[in-house]
């Protein structure tokens, strides 16, 4: 007797029940209200922006250096640079390096009273 032919495999039919709908929230939640940061207190200057005063006049010997006159005020951008330099910005917005030893670092806002020598 000849072997019976194997039964034809029937591919499974796709499930008839509907796919679950994506979960919907009952009510769209509003994004949380962003609280604007409060302004920094006026007493504390940003730590990176110290002010300093020229103790001596200095004439630059290099294009990346800044001329300064004794008593001129600067904003310190970077101190303790290699070679004893400090990067400062003057009132005109010009930036340049000056000898750190020529500067006196002012603590906080500049005082009106003359500093003792």
N, C-alpha and C. Protein backbone atom coordinates (compact mmCIF):
# COMPACT_ATOMS: atom_id res chain seq x y z
N UNK A 1 0.85 -1.20 0.00
CA UNK A 1 0.00 0.00 0.00
C UNK A 1 0.88 1.25 0.00
N UNK A 2 0.53 2.24 -0.81
CA UNK A 2 1.36 3.45 -0.91
C UNK A 2 1.08 4.38 0.26
N UNK A 3 2.14 5.12 0.75
CA UNK A 3 1.91 6.02 1.90
C UNK A 3 0.97 7.16 1.53
N UNK A 4 0.14 7.57 2.45
CA UNK A 4 -0.81 8.65 2.19
C UNK A 4 -0.05 9.96 2.06
N UNK A 5 -0.47 10.83 1.15
CA UNK A 5 0.21 12.13 1.02
C UNK A 5 0.09 12.93 2.32
N UNK A 6 1.17 13.69 2.72
CA UNK A 6 1.08 14.45 3.97
C UNK A 6 -0.03 15.47 3.89
N UNK A 7 -0.69 15.73 4.96
CA UNK A 7 -1.78 16.72 4.91
C UNK A 7 -1.22 18.10 4.57
N UNK A 8 -1.93 18.84 3.81
CA UNK A 8 -1.48 20.19 3.44
C UNK A 8 -1.54 21.08 4.68
N UNK A 9 -0.39 21.75 4.91
CA UNK A 9 -0.36 22.62 6.10
C UNK A 9 -1.10 23.91 5.77
N UNK A 10 -2.02 24.22 6.61
CA UNK A 10 -2.82 25.43 6.42
C UNK A 10 -2.14 26.57 7.19
N UNK A 11 -1.81 27.66 6.50
CA UNK A 11 -1.22 28.81 7.21
C UNK A 11 -2.24 29.35 8.18
N UNK A 12 -1.77 29.74 9.37
CA UNK A 12 -2.76 30.25 10.34
C UNK A 12 -3.38 31.53 9.82
N UNK A 13 -4.66 31.61 10.00
CA UNK A 13 -5.33 32.84 9.54
C UNK A 13 -5.10 33.93 10.58
N UNK A 14 -5.05 35.19 10.16
CA UNK A 14 -4.81 36.27 11.13
C UNK A 14 -5.93 36.30 12.15
N UNK A 15 -5.60 36.69 13.36
CA UNK A 15 -6.64 36.73 14.39
C UNK A 15 -7.73 37.71 13.99
N UNK A 16 -8.93 37.36 14.29
CA UNK A 16 -10.05 38.20 13.84
C UNK A 16 -10.36 39.29 14.86
N UNK A 17 -9.91 39.11 16.10
CA UNK A 17 -10.25 40.16 17.06
C UNK A 17 -9.43 41.40 16.75
N UNK A 18 -10.00 42.59 16.90
CA UNK A 18 -9.28 43.82 16.52
C UNK A 18 -8.06 44.03 17.42
N UNK A 19 -7.03 44.64 16.84
CA UNK A 19 -5.83 44.94 17.63
C UNK A 19 -6.21 45.92 18.72
N UNK A 20 -5.57 45.81 19.88
CA UNK A 20 -5.92 46.75 20.95
C UNK A 20 -5.60 48.18 20.52
N UNK A 21 -6.49 49.09 20.79
CA UNK A 21 -6.28 50.49 20.43
C UNK A 21 -5.19 51.06 21.32
N UNK A 22 -4.41 51.99 20.80
CA UNK A 22 -3.39 52.60 21.67
C UNK A 22 -4.05 53.22 22.89
N UNK A 23 -3.39 53.09 24.00
CA UNK A 23 -3.98 53.56 25.25
C UNK A 23 -4.09 55.08 25.19
N UNK A 24 -5.27 55.55 25.45
CA UNK A 24 -5.49 57.00 25.42
C UNK A 24 -5.73 57.48 26.84
N UNK A 25 -5.15 58.67 27.12
CA UNK A 25 -5.39 59.22 28.45
C UNK A 25 -6.78 59.85 28.44
N UNK A 26 -7.41 59.81 29.59
CA UNK A 26 -8.77 60.33 29.68
C UNK A 26 -8.81 61.79 29.26
N UNK A 27 -7.87 62.60 29.77
CA UNK A 27 -7.81 64.00 29.40
C UNK A 27 -6.36 64.34 29.12
N UNK A 28 -6.11 65.10 28.06
CA UNK A 28 -4.71 65.47 27.81
C UNK A 28 -4.20 66.33 28.96
N UNK A 29 -3.06 65.92 29.52
CA UNK A 29 -2.54 66.69 30.65
C UNK A 29 -1.72 67.85 30.12
N UNK A 30 -1.92 69.02 30.66
CA UNK A 30 -1.17 70.19 30.23
C UNK A 30 0.27 70.05 30.72
N UNK A 31 1.24 70.51 29.92
CA UNK A 31 2.63 70.42 30.40
C UNK A 31 2.79 71.25 31.65
N UNK A 32 3.70 70.86 32.54
CA UNK A 32 3.85 71.64 33.77
C UNK A 32 4.28 73.06 33.45
N UNK A 33 3.80 74.00 34.20
CA UNK A 33 4.15 75.40 33.97
C UNK A 33 5.62 75.59 34.31
N UNK A 34 6.36 76.15 33.36
CA UNK A 34 7.79 76.37 33.60
C UNK A 34 7.95 77.62 34.44
N UNK A 35 8.68 77.47 35.52
CA UNK A 35 8.92 78.61 36.39
C UNK A 35 10.17 79.33 35.89
N UNK A 36 10.04 80.58 35.56
CA UNK A 36 11.20 81.33 35.09
C UNK A 36 12.19 81.48 36.24
N UNK A 37 13.47 81.34 35.94
CA UNK A 37 14.45 81.49 37.03
C UNK A 37 14.45 82.92 37.56
N UNK A 38 14.62 83.07 38.84
CA UNK A 38 14.66 84.41 39.40
C UNK A 38 16.00 85.05 39.04
N UNK A 39 16.02 86.35 38.87
CA UNK A 39 17.28 87.00 38.47
C UNK A 39 18.34 86.80 39.55
N UNK A 40 19.58 86.71 39.14
CA UNK A 40 20.63 86.54 40.15
C UNK A 40 20.66 87.77 41.05
N UNK A 41 20.99 87.55 42.29
CA UNK A 41 21.00 88.68 43.22
C UNK A 41 22.07 89.68 42.78
N UNK A 42 21.76 90.94 42.94
CA UNK A 42 22.66 91.97 42.43
C UNK A 42 23.96 92.05 43.24
N UNK A 43 23.97 91.51 44.46
CA UNK A 43 25.16 91.65 45.29
C UNK A 43 26.27 90.73 44.83
N UNK A 44 25.92 89.53 44.36
CA UNK A 44 26.96 88.56 44.03
C UNK A 44 27.30 88.65 42.56
N UNK A 45 28.48 89.14 42.22
CA UNK A 45 28.88 89.12 40.81
C UNK A 45 29.16 87.69 40.39
N UNK A 46 29.02 87.41 39.09
CA UNK A 46 29.30 86.06 38.61
C UNK A 46 30.73 85.71 38.98
N UNK A 47 30.97 84.48 39.45
CA UNK A 47 32.31 84.14 39.95
C UNK A 47 33.39 84.29 38.90
N UNK A 48 33.02 84.14 37.62
CA UNK A 48 34.06 84.19 36.59
C UNK A 48 34.41 85.63 36.21
N UNK A 49 33.60 86.58 36.64
CA UNK A 49 33.82 87.97 36.20
C UNK A 49 34.27 88.82 37.38
N UNK A 50 35.50 88.65 37.81
CA UNK A 50 36.02 89.52 38.86
C UNK A 50 36.45 90.83 38.20
N UNK A 51 36.39 91.88 38.98
CA UNK A 51 36.94 93.12 38.46
C UNK A 51 38.31 93.35 39.08
N UNK A 52 39.15 94.03 38.35
CA UNK A 52 40.49 94.30 38.85
C UNK A 52 40.90 95.69 38.41
N UNK A 53 41.89 96.21 39.07
CA UNK A 53 42.37 97.57 38.80
C UNK A 53 43.85 97.50 38.49
N UNK A 54 44.27 98.26 37.50
CA UNK A 54 45.69 98.30 37.16
C UNK A 54 46.44 99.06 38.25
N UNK A 55 47.46 98.43 38.82
CA UNK A 55 48.29 99.09 39.81
C UNK A 55 49.39 99.92 39.12
N UNK A 56 49.76 99.52 37.92
CA UNK A 56 50.82 100.19 37.17
C UNK A 56 50.38 100.29 35.72
N UNK A 57 50.94 101.25 35.02
CA UNK A 57 50.70 101.33 33.58
C UNK A 57 51.51 100.23 32.89
N UNK A 58 50.99 99.76 31.76
CA UNK A 58 51.69 98.71 31.02
C UNK A 58 51.53 98.96 29.54
N UNK A 59 52.65 98.91 28.81
CA UNK A 59 52.60 99.03 27.36
C UNK A 59 52.78 97.65 26.76
N UNK A 60 51.86 97.22 25.91
CA UNK A 60 51.95 95.87 25.36
C UNK A 60 53.18 95.69 24.49
N UNK A 61 53.76 94.50 24.56
CA UNK A 61 54.89 94.17 23.69
C UNK A 61 54.49 93.11 22.67
N UNK A 62 53.22 92.74 22.65
CA UNK A 62 52.73 91.69 21.78
C UNK A 62 51.31 92.01 21.36
N UNK A 63 50.86 91.59 20.17
CA UNK A 63 49.50 91.96 19.71
C UNK A 63 48.37 91.46 20.61
N UNK A 64 48.59 90.36 21.33
CA UNK A 64 47.48 89.83 22.15
C UNK A 64 47.47 90.43 23.55
N UNK A 65 48.32 91.45 23.79
CA UNK A 65 48.35 92.09 25.10
C UNK A 65 47.57 93.39 25.04
N UNK A 66 47.20 93.87 26.21
CA UNK A 66 46.36 95.06 26.30
C UNK A 66 47.13 96.16 27.03
N UNK A 67 47.02 97.37 26.51
CA UNK A 67 47.63 98.51 27.20
C UNK A 67 46.78 98.86 28.40
N UNK A 68 47.42 99.20 29.50
CA UNK A 68 46.64 99.64 30.65
C UNK A 68 47.33 100.80 31.34
N UNK A 69 46.49 101.65 31.91
CA UNK A 69 46.97 102.80 32.65
C UNK A 69 46.72 102.54 34.13
N UNK A 70 47.60 103.06 34.96
CA UNK A 70 47.45 102.89 36.40
C UNK A 70 46.08 103.42 36.85
N UNK A 71 45.35 102.60 37.60
CA UNK A 71 44.03 102.99 38.08
C UNK A 71 42.89 102.58 37.17
N UNK A 72 43.22 102.07 35.96
CA UNK A 72 42.17 101.67 35.02
C UNK A 72 41.51 100.38 35.53
N UNK A 73 40.20 100.27 35.29
CA UNK A 73 39.46 99.09 35.75
C UNK A 73 39.25 98.12 34.61
N UNK A 74 39.31 96.84 34.94
CA UNK A 74 39.14 95.78 33.96
C UNK A 74 38.22 94.71 34.52
N UNK A 75 37.65 93.94 33.61
CA UNK A 75 36.92 92.73 33.99
C UNK A 75 37.86 91.56 33.74
N UNK A 76 38.06 90.74 34.75
CA UNK A 76 38.99 89.62 34.60
C UNK A 76 38.28 88.47 33.91
N UNK A 77 38.85 87.99 32.81
CA UNK A 77 38.25 86.88 32.06
C UNK A 77 38.91 85.56 32.42
N UNK A 78 40.22 85.58 32.59
CA UNK A 78 40.93 84.34 32.92
C UNK A 78 42.19 84.72 33.68
N UNK A 79 42.35 84.15 34.88
CA UNK A 79 43.54 84.48 35.66
C UNK A 79 44.46 83.28 35.76
N UNK A 80 45.66 83.53 36.27
CA UNK A 80 46.67 82.47 36.45
C UNK A 80 47.00 81.76 35.15
N UNK A 81 47.17 82.55 34.08
CA UNK A 81 47.57 81.96 32.81
C UNK A 81 49.06 81.68 32.84
N UNK A 82 49.50 80.86 31.91
CA UNK A 82 50.91 80.49 31.87
C UNK A 82 51.77 81.72 31.64
N UNK A 83 52.88 81.80 32.33
CA UNK A 83 53.78 82.93 32.16
C UNK A 83 53.43 84.11 33.03
N UNK A 84 52.43 83.97 33.91
CA UNK A 84 52.09 85.07 34.82
C UNK A 84 51.17 86.11 34.21
N UNK A 85 50.39 85.72 33.21
CA UNK A 85 49.47 86.65 32.57
C UNK A 85 48.06 86.47 33.07
N UNK A 86 47.25 87.52 32.90
CA UNK A 86 45.82 87.48 33.20
C UNK A 86 45.11 88.06 31.99
N UNK A 87 44.04 87.39 31.55
CA UNK A 87 43.25 87.88 30.42
C UNK A 87 42.16 88.79 30.97
N UNK A 88 42.13 90.02 30.47
CA UNK A 88 41.17 91.00 30.98
C UNK A 88 40.43 91.66 29.82
N UNK A 89 39.36 92.37 30.16
CA UNK A 89 38.61 93.15 29.18
C UNK A 89 38.46 94.54 29.75
N UNK A 90 38.75 95.56 28.94
CA UNK A 90 38.63 96.93 29.45
C UNK A 90 37.24 97.48 29.19
N UNK A 91 37.03 98.73 29.60
CA UNK A 91 35.70 99.34 29.47
C UNK A 91 35.28 99.49 28.02
N UNK A 92 36.24 99.51 27.11
CA UNK A 92 35.91 99.64 25.69
C UNK A 92 35.52 98.29 25.08
N UNK A 93 35.61 97.22 25.88
CA UNK A 93 35.27 95.90 25.36
C UNK A 93 36.45 95.21 24.71
N UNK A 94 37.64 95.81 24.79
CA UNK A 94 38.83 95.19 24.21
C UNK A 94 39.39 94.16 25.18
N UNK A 95 39.78 93.00 24.63
CA UNK A 95 40.34 91.96 25.48
C UNK A 95 41.83 91.81 25.19
N UNK A 96 42.57 91.43 26.23
CA UNK A 96 43.99 91.20 26.03
C UNK A 96 44.62 90.72 27.31
N UNK A 97 45.87 90.28 27.19
CA UNK A 97 46.60 89.79 28.36
C UNK A 97 47.42 90.92 28.97
N UNK A 98 47.46 90.91 30.29
CA UNK A 98 48.28 91.87 31.02
C UNK A 98 49.03 91.11 32.10
N UNK A 99 50.14 91.64 32.59
CA UNK A 99 50.87 90.93 33.64
C UNK A 99 50.04 90.87 34.91
N UNK A 100 49.86 89.67 35.44
CA UNK A 100 49.03 89.48 36.63
C UNK A 100 49.56 90.32 37.80
N UNK A 101 50.88 90.48 37.88
CA UNK A 101 51.47 91.21 39.00
C UNK A 101 51.14 92.70 38.95
N UNK A 102 50.67 93.18 37.80
CA UNK A 102 50.34 94.60 37.67
C UNK A 102 48.92 94.89 38.14
N UNK A 103 48.14 93.84 38.45
CA UNK A 103 46.73 94.02 38.75
C UNK A 103 46.46 93.88 40.24
N UNK A 104 45.43 94.59 40.68
CA UNK A 104 44.89 94.37 42.02
C UNK A 104 43.46 93.90 41.83
N UNK A 105 43.17 92.70 42.37
CA UNK A 105 41.83 92.15 42.22
C UNK A 105 40.90 92.85 43.18
N UNK A 106 39.80 93.35 42.66
CA UNK A 106 38.81 94.01 43.51
C UNK A 106 37.81 92.97 43.98
N UNK A 107 37.45 93.02 45.24
CA UNK A 107 36.46 92.10 45.77
C UNK A 107 35.09 92.73 45.62
N UNK A 108 34.26 92.09 44.82
CA UNK A 108 32.91 92.59 44.63
C UNK A 108 32.92 93.88 43.83
N UNK A 109 31.85 94.67 43.93
CA UNK A 109 31.78 95.90 43.14
C UNK A 109 32.86 96.87 43.56
N UNK A 110 33.36 97.67 42.65
CA UNK A 110 34.45 98.60 43.00
C UNK A 110 34.00 99.57 44.08
N UNK A 111 34.89 99.78 45.04
CA UNK A 111 34.58 100.69 46.13
C UNK A 111 34.95 102.12 45.74
N UNK A 112 34.22 103.08 46.28
CA UNK A 112 34.53 104.46 45.99
C UNK A 112 35.66 104.99 46.86
N UNK A 113 35.82 104.40 48.04
CA UNK A 113 36.86 104.89 48.94
C UNK A 113 38.22 104.47 48.42
N UNK A 114 39.24 105.32 48.51
CA UNK A 114 40.56 104.95 48.01
C UNK A 114 41.16 103.82 48.84
N UNK A 115 41.77 102.88 48.15
CA UNK A 115 42.37 101.73 48.86
C UNK A 115 43.66 102.18 49.52
N UNK A 116 43.93 101.72 50.73
CA UNK A 116 45.21 102.09 51.37
C UNK A 116 46.36 101.48 50.60
N UNK A 117 47.44 102.22 50.46
CA UNK A 117 48.58 101.72 49.68
C UNK A 117 49.52 100.94 50.60
